[in-house]
Amino acid sequence: MAAAADPPGAGDLSQLAEDLLQRLQENLRALAEKIAWSVEEMGERIDDLEKHVADLMTEAGIENTDEELRH
């Protein structure tokens, strides 16, 4: 008796697993893009906040430089 190749449905299961992995990869890629966009947006907000704080310090007559603030 010859050895059976794949049991019935094995090809379907293989295709299902391949499709699932493909969708997972697409979802992870979309999530990575969303995270990168969020990090970029957060950086822009931090830059704006730093500018506003510097403007407020100038208005208040506080003349600290970045170097003075680090010490």
PDB file of N, CA and C in Angstrom:
ATOM      1  N   MET A   1       0.842  -1.172   0.000  1.00  0.00           N
ATOM      2  CA  MET A   1       0.000   0.000   0.000  1.00  0.00           C
ATOM      3  C   MET A   1       0.888   1.235   0.000  1.00  0.00           C
ATOM      4  N   ALA A   2       0.622   2.155  -0.870  1.00  0.00           N
ATOM      5  CA  ALA A   2       1.424   3.365  -0.993  1.00  0.00           C
ATOM      6  C   ALA A   2       1.084   4.325   0.135  1.00  0.00           C
ATOM      7  N   ALA A   3       2.083   5.097   0.562  1.00  0.00           N
ATOM      8  CA  ALA A   3       1.871   6.083   1.624  1.00  0.00           C
ATOM      9  C   ALA A   3       1.022   7.228   1.090  1.00  0.00           C
ATOM     10  N   ALA A   4       0.088   7.635   1.879  1.00  0.00           N
ATOM     11  CA  ALA A   4      -0.784   8.749   1.485  1.00  0.00           C
ATOM     12  C   ALA A   4       0.007  10.044   1.560  1.00  0.00           C
ATOM     13  N   ALA A   5      -0.237  10.927   0.623  1.00  0.00           N
ATOM     14  CA  ALA A   5       0.464  12.212   0.608  1.00  0.00           C
ATOM     15  C   ALA A   5       0.000  13.057   1.782  1.00  0.00           C
ATOM     16  N   ASP A   6      -1.028  13.805   1.610  1.00  0.00           N
ATOM     17  CA  ASP A   6      -1.593  14.644   2.671  1.00  0.00           C
ATOM     18  C   ASP A   6      -3.005  14.161   2.949  1.00  0.00           C
ATOM     19  N   PRO A   7      -3.389  14.163   4.205  1.00  0.00           N
ATOM     20  CA  PRO A   7      -4.773  13.787   4.494  1.00  0.00           C
ATOM     21  C   PRO A   7      -5.731  14.803   3.885  1.00  0.00           C
ATOM     22  N   PRO A   8      -6.961  14.392   3.649  1.00  0.00           N
ATOM     23  CA  PRO A   8      -7.937  15.330   3.073  1.00  0.00           C
ATOM     24  C   PRO A   8      -8.050  16.585   3.937  1.00  0.00           C
ATOM     25  N   GLY A   9      -8.058  17.742   3.300  1.00  0.00           N
ATOM     26  CA  GLY A   9      -8.202  19.003   4.015  1.00  0.00           C
ATOM     27  C   GLY A   9      -6.888  19.628   4.436  1.00  0.00           C
ATOM     28  N   ALA A  10      -5.770  18.922   4.282  1.00  0.00           N
ATOM     29  CA  ALA A  10      -4.484  19.471   4.701  1.00  0.00           C
ATOM     30  C   ALA A  10      -4.112  20.692   3.864  1.00  0.00           C
ATOM     31  N   GLY A  11      -4.425  20.628   2.570  1.00  0.00           N
ATOM     32  CA  GLY A  11      -4.149  21.777   1.703  1.00  0.00           C
ATOM     33  C   GLY A  11      -4.982  22.981   2.105  1.00  0.00           C
ATOM     34  N   ASP A  12      -6.234  22.729   2.481  1.00  0.00           N
ATOM     35  CA  ASP A  12      -7.103  23.813   2.937  1.00  0.00           C
ATOM     36  C   ASP A  12      -6.561  24.439   4.217  1.00  0.00           C
ATOM     37  N   LEU A  13      -6.096  23.593   5.128  1.00  0.00           N
ATOM     38  CA  LEU A  13      -5.555  24.079   6.391  1.00  0.00           C
ATOM     39  C   LEU A  13      -4.282  24.889   6.148  1.00  0.00           C
ATOM     40  N   SER A  14      -3.459  24.412   5.235  1.00  0.00           N
ATOM     41  CA  SER A  14      -2.237  25.134   4.890  1.00  0.00           C
ATOM     42  C   SER A  14      -2.559  26.507   4.303  1.00  0.00           C
ATOM     43  N   GLN A  15      -3.539  26.555   3.414  1.00  0.00           N
ATOM     44  CA  GLN A  15      -3.948  27.824   2.804  1.00  0.00           C
ATOM     45  C   GLN A  15      -4.534  28.761   3.851  1.00  0.00           C
ATOM     46  N   LEU A  16      -5.331  28.210   4.766  1.00  0.00           N
ATOM     47  CA  LEU A  16      -5.919  29.002   5.835  1.00  0.00           C
ATOM     48  C   LEU A  16      -4.823  29.615   6.710  1.00  0.00           C
ATOM     49  N   ALA A  17      -3.818  28.824   7.050  1.00  0.00           N
ATOM     50  CA  ALA A  17      -2.711  29.320   7.863  1.00  0.00           C
ATOM     51  C   ALA A  17      -1.933  30.398   7.120  1.00  0.00           C
ATOM     52  N   GLU A  18      -1.709  30.190   5.839  1.00  0.00           N
ATOM     53  CA  GLU A  18      -0.997  31.181   5.028  1.00  0.00           C
ATOM     54  C   GLU A  18      -1.773  32.492   4.956  1.00  0.00           C
ATOM     55  N   ASP A  19      -3.078  32.405   4.747  1.00  0.00           N
ATOM     56  CA  ASP A  19      -3.932  33.599   4.700  1.00  0.00           C
ATOM     57  C   ASP A  19      -3.917  34.334   6.036  1.00  0.00           C
ATOM     58  N   LEU A  20      -3.993  33.564   7.114  1.00  0.00           N
ATOM     59  CA  LEU A  20      -3.974  34.154   8.452  1.00  0.00           C
ATOM     60  C   LEU A  20      -2.658  34.883   8.716  1.00  0.00           C
ATOM     61  N   LEU A  21      -1.556  34.270   8.334  1.00  0.00           N
ATOM     62  CA  LEU A  21      -0.254  34.913   8.513  1.00  0.00           C
ATOM     63  C   LEU A  21      -0.138  36.178   7.662  1.00  0.00           C
ATOM     64  N   GLN A  22      -0.681  36.141   6.461  1.00  0.00           N
ATOM     65  CA  GLN A  22      -0.659  37.314   5.583  1.00  0.00           C
ATOM     66  C   GLN A  22      -1.442  38.463   6.209  1.00  0.00           C
ATOM     67  N   ARG A  23      -2.641  38.166   6.737  1.00  0.00           N
ATOM     68  CA  ARG A  23      -3.449  39.214   7.377  1.00  0.00           C
ATOM     69  C   ARG A  23      -2.758  39.756   8.620  1.00  0.00           C
ATOM     70  N   LEU A  24      -2.133  38.873   9.375  1.00  0.00           N
ATOM     71  CA  LEU A  24      -1.399  39.292  10.565  1.00  0.00           C
ATOM     72  C   LEU A  24      -0.255  40.231  10.186  1.00  0.00           C
ATOM     73  N   GLN A  25       0.471  39.873   9.139  1.00  0.00           N
ATOM     74  CA  GLN A  25       1.579  40.718   8.673  1.00  0.00           C
ATOM     75  C   GLN A  25       1.063  42.091   8.231  1.00  0.00           C
ATOM     76  N   GLU A  26      -0.054  42.125   7.520  1.00  0.00           N
ATOM     77  CA  GLU A  26      -0.636  43.397   7.080  1.00  0.00           C
ATOM     78  C   GLU A  26      -1.079  44.234   8.281  1.00  0.00           C
ATOM     79  N   ASN A  27      -1.692  43.584   9.266  1.00  0.00           N
ATOM     80  CA  ASN A  27      -2.132  44.310  10.465  1.00  0.00           C
ATOM     81  C   ASN A  27      -0.943  44.862  11.246  1.00  0.00           C
ATOM     82  N   LEU A  28       0.113  44.083  11.352  1.00  0.00           N
ATOM     83  CA  LEU A  28       1.308  44.554  12.061  1.00  0.00           C
ATOM     84  C   LEU A  28       1.960  45.716  11.328  1.00  0.00           C
ATOM     85  N   ARG A  29       1.975  45.649   9.998  1.00  0.00           N
ATOM     86  CA  ARG A  29       2.549  46.743   9.203  1.00  0.00           C
ATOM     87  C   ARG A  29       1.733  48.021   9.410  1.00  0.00           C
ATOM     88  N   ALA A  30       0.406  47.904   9.403  1.00  0.00           N
ATOM     89  CA  ALA A  30      -0.465  49.069   9.611  1.00  0.00           C
ATOM     90  C   ALA A  30      -0.267  49.630  11.016  1.00  0.00           C
ATOM     91  N   LEU A  31      -0.135  48.742  12.005  1.00  0.00           N
ATOM     92  CA  LEU A  31       0.085  49.188  13.379  1.00  0.00           C
ATOM     93  C   LEU A  31       1.425  49.911  13.511  1.00  0.00           C
ATOM     94  N   ALA A  32       2.461  49.389  12.871  1.00  0.00           N
ATOM     95  CA  ALA A  32       3.779  50.031  12.919  1.00  0.00           C
ATOM     96  C   ALA A  32       3.721  51.425  12.292  1.00  0.00           C
ATOM     97  N   GLU A  33       2.986  51.565  11.192  1.00  0.00           N
ATOM     98  CA  GLU A  33       2.843  52.881  10.555  1.00  0.00           C
ATOM     99  C   GLU A  33       2.096  53.843  11.477  1.00  0.00           C
ATOM    100  N   LYS A  34       1.065  53.350  12.142  1.00  0.00           N
ATOM    101  CA  LYS A  34       0.289  54.186  13.051  1.00  0.00           C
ATOM    102  C   LYS A  34       1.150  54.628  14.233  1.00  0.00           C
ATOM    103  N   ILE A  35       1.955  53.735  14.761  1.00  0.00           N
ATOM    104  CA  ILE A  35       2.838  54.079  15.875  1.00  0.00           C
ATOM    105  C   ILE A  35       3.865  55.113  15.436  1.00  0.00           C
ATOM    106  N   ALA A  36       4.456  54.923  14.260  1.00  0.00           N
ATOM    107  CA  ALA A  36       5.444  55.880  13.759  1.00  0.00           C
ATOM    108  C   ALA A  36       4.810  57.259  13.582  1.00  0.00           C
ATOM    109  N   TRP A  37       3.589  57.300  13.052  1.00  0.00           N
ATOM    110  CA  TRP A  37       2.890  58.579  12.876  1.00  0.00           C
ATOM    111  C   TRP A  37       2.618  59.221  14.232  1.00  0.00           C
ATOM    112  N   SER A  38       2.208  58.420  15.214  1.00  0.00           N
ATOM    113  CA  SER A  38       1.914  58.945  16.551  1.00  0.00           C
ATOM    114  C   SER A  38       3.160  59.498  17.223  1.00  0.00           C
ATOM    115  N   VAL A  39       4.267  58.806  17.070  1.00  0.00           N
ATOM    116  CA  VAL A  39       5.527  59.280  17.654  1.00  0.00           C
ATOM    117  C   VAL A  39       5.945  60.598  17.009  1.00  0.00           C
ATOM    118  N   GLU A  40       5.791  60.690  15.697  1.00  0.00           N
ATOM    119  CA  GLU A  40       6.129  61.938  14.995  1.00  0.00           C
ATOM    120  C   GLU A  40       5.237  63.083  15.475  1.00  0.00           C
ATOM    121  N   GLU A  41       3.951  62.809  15.612  1.00  0.00           N
ATOM    122  CA  GLU A  41       3.022  63.834  16.085  1.00  0.00           C
ATOM    123  C   GLU A  41       3.365  64.262  17.517  1.00  0.00           C
ATOM    124  N   MET A  42       3.706  63.310  18.356  1.00  0.00           N
ATOM    125  CA  MET A  42       4.082  63.617  19.739  1.00  0.00           C
ATOM    126  C   MET A  42       5.339  64.494  19.760  1.00  0.00           C
ATOM    127  N   GLY A  43       6.292  64.201  18.902  1.00  0.00           N
ATOM    128  CA  GLY A  43       7.492  65.021  18.821  1.00  0.00           C
ATOM    129  C   GLY A  43       7.182  66.460  18.434  1.00  0.00           C
ATOM    130  N   GLU A  44       6.263  66.623  17.486  1.00  0.00           N
ATOM    131  CA  GLU A  44       5.860  67.970  17.074  1.00  0.00           C
ATOM    132  C   GLU A  44       5.179  68.704  18.228  1.00  0.00           C
ATOM    133  N   ARG A  45       4.356  67.999  18.986  1.00  0.00           N
ATOM    134  CA  ARG A  45       3.677  68.623  20.125  1.00  0.00           C
ATOM    135  C   ARG A  45       4.681  69.024  21.203  1.00  0.00           C
ATOM    136  N   ILE A  46       5.675  68.200  21.432  1.00  0.00           N
ATOM    137  CA  ILE A  46       6.705  68.524  22.420  1.00  0.00           C
ATOM    138  C   ILE A  46       7.484  69.757  21.970  1.00  0.00           C
ATOM    139  N   ASP A  47       7.811  69.824  20.681  1.00  0.00           N
ATOM    140  CA  ASP A  47       8.515  71.001  20.157  1.00  0.00           C
ATOM    141  C   ASP A  47       7.677  72.262  20.364  1.00  0.00           C
ATOM    142  N   ASP A  48       6.379  72.168  20.076  1.00  0.00           N
ATOM    143  CA  ASP A  48       5.487  73.318  20.283  1.00  0.00           C
ATOM    144  C   ASP A  48       5.423  73.708  21.757  1.00  0.00           C
ATOM    145  N   LEU A  49       5.339  72.729  22.626  1.00  0.00           N
ATOM    146  CA  LEU A  49       5.284  72.992  24.060  1.00  0.00           C
ATOM    147  C   LEU A  49       6.565  73.685  24.533  1.00  0.00           C
ATOM    148  N   GLU A  50       7.723  73.203  24.059  1.00  0.00           N
ATOM    149  CA  GLU A  50       8.990  73.839  24.431  1.00  0.00           C
ATOM    150  C   GLU A  50       9.022  75.295  23.978  1.00  0.00           C
ATOM    151  N   LYS A  51       8.512  75.563  22.763  1.00  0.00           N
ATOM    152  CA  LYS A  51       8.495  76.941  22.262  1.00  0.00           C
ATOM    153  C   LYS A  51       7.580  77.808  23.124  1.00  0.00           C
ATOM    154  N   HIS A  52       6.407  77.286  23.477  1.00  0.00           N
ATOM    155  CA  HIS A  52       5.477  78.055  24.303  1.00  0.00           C
ATOM    156  C   HIS A  52       6.054  78.328  25.687  1.00  0.00           C
ATOM    157  N   VAL A  53       6.733  77.364  26.272  1.00  0.00           N
ATOM    158  CA  VAL A  53       7.359  77.561  27.574  1.00  0.00           C
ATOM    159  C   VAL A  53       8.450  78.624  27.466  1.00  0.00           C
ATOM    160  N   ALA A  54       9.248  78.564  26.419  1.00  0.00           N
ATOM    161  CA  ALA A  54      10.293  79.573  26.225  1.00  0.00           C
ATOM    162  C   ALA A  54       9.680  80.957  26.054  1.00  0.00           C
ATOM    163  N   ASP A  55       8.579  81.044  25.292  1.00  0.00           N
ATOM    164  CA  ASP A  55       7.902  82.332  25.111  1.00  0.00           C
ATOM    165  C   ASP A  55       7.361  82.861  26.443  1.00  0.00           C
ATOM    166  N   LEU A  56       6.762  81.980  27.248  1.00  0.00           N
ATOM    167  CA  LEU A  56       6.245  82.394  28.549  1.00  0.00           C
ATOM    168  C   LEU A  56       7.367  82.848  29.476  1.00  0.00           C
ATOM    169  N   MET A  57       8.489  82.142  29.428  1.00  0.00           N
ATOM    170  CA  MET A  57       9.631  82.539  30.261  1.00  0.00           C
ATOM    171  C   MET A  57      10.140  83.913  29.844  1.00  0.00           C
ATOM    172  N   THR A  58      10.169  84.174  28.549  1.00  0.00           N
ATOM    173  CA  THR A  58      10.607  85.477  28.057  1.00  0.00           C
ATOM    174  C   THR A  58       9.641  86.561  28.514  1.00  0.00           C
ATOM    175  N   GLU A  59       8.345  86.305  28.403  1.00  0.00           N
ATOM    176  CA  GLU A  59       7.342  87.270  28.846  1.00  0.00           C
ATOM    177  C   GLU A  59       7.439  87.538  30.341  1.00  0.00           C
ATOM    178  N   ALA A  60       7.814  86.512  31.100  1.00  0.00           N
ATOM    179  CA  ALA A  60       7.914  86.661  32.552  1.00  0.00           C
ATOM    180  C   ALA A  60       9.249  87.277  32.971  1.00  0.00           C
ATOM    181  N   GLY A  61      10.128  87.500  32.023  1.00  0.00           N
ATOM    182  CA  GLY A  61      11.417  88.101  32.334  1.00  0.00           C
ATOM    183  C   GLY A  61      12.450  87.106  32.830  1.00  0.00           C
ATOM    184  N   ILE A  62      12.189  85.844  32.610  1.00  0.00           N
ATOM    185  CA  ILE A  62      13.149  84.813  33.004  1.00  0.00           C
ATOM    186  C   ILE A  62      14.033  84.531  31.804  1.00  0.00           C
ATOM    187  N   GLU A  63      15.310  84.781  31.977  1.00  0.00           N
ATOM    188  CA  GLU A  63      16.243  84.652  30.850  1.00  0.00           C
ATOM    189  C   GLU A  63      17.185  83.473  31.064  1.00  0.00           C
ATOM    190  N   ASN A  64      16.658  82.285  31.228  1.00  0.00           N
ATOM    191  CA  ASN A  64      17.498  81.097  31.353  1.00  0.00           C
ATOM    192  C   ASN A  64      17.773  80.528  29.974  1.00  0.00           C
ATOM    193  N   THR A  65      18.996  80.142  29.759  1.00  0.00           N
ATOM    194  CA  THR A  65      19.332  79.466  28.501  1.00  0.00           C
ATOM    195  C   THR A  65      19.163  77.970  28.712  1.00  0.00           C
ATOM    196  N   ASP A  66      19.181  77.222  27.671  1.00  0.00           N
ATOM    197  CA  ASP A  66      19.087  75.770  27.783  1.00  0.00           C
ATOM    198  C   ASP A  66      20.221  75.218  28.637  1.00  0.00           C
ATOM    199  N   GLU A  67      21.397  75.797  28.493  1.00  0.00           N
ATOM    200  CA  GLU A  67      22.557  75.317  29.269  1.00  0.00           C
ATOM    201  C   GLU A  67      22.354  75.568  30.757  1.00  0.00           C
ATOM    202  N   GLU A  68      21.793  76.714  31.131  1.00  0.00           N
ATOM    203  CA  GLU A  68      21.541  77.007  32.551  1.00  0.00           C
ATOM    204  C   GLU A  68      20.487  76.069  33.110  1.00  0.00           C
ATOM    205  N   LEU A  69      19.521  75.690  32.303  1.00  0.00           N
ATOM    206  CA  LEU A  69      18.458  74.805  32.775  1.00  0.00           C
ATOM    207  C   LEU A  69      18.961  73.388  33.020  1.00  0.00           C
ATOM    208  N   ARG A  70      20.023  72.986  32.368  1.00  0.00           N
ATOM    209  CA  ARG A  70      20.548  71.625  32.518  1.00  0.00           C
ATOM    210  C   ARG A  70      21.315  71.464  33.827  1.00  0.00           C
ATOM    211  N   HIS A  71      21.787  72.550  34.441  1.00  0.00           N
ATOM    212  CA  HIS A  71      22.604  72.437  35.677  1.00  0.00           C
ATOM    213  C   HIS A  71      21.783  72.535  36.906  1.00  0.00           C
TER     214      HIS A  71
END
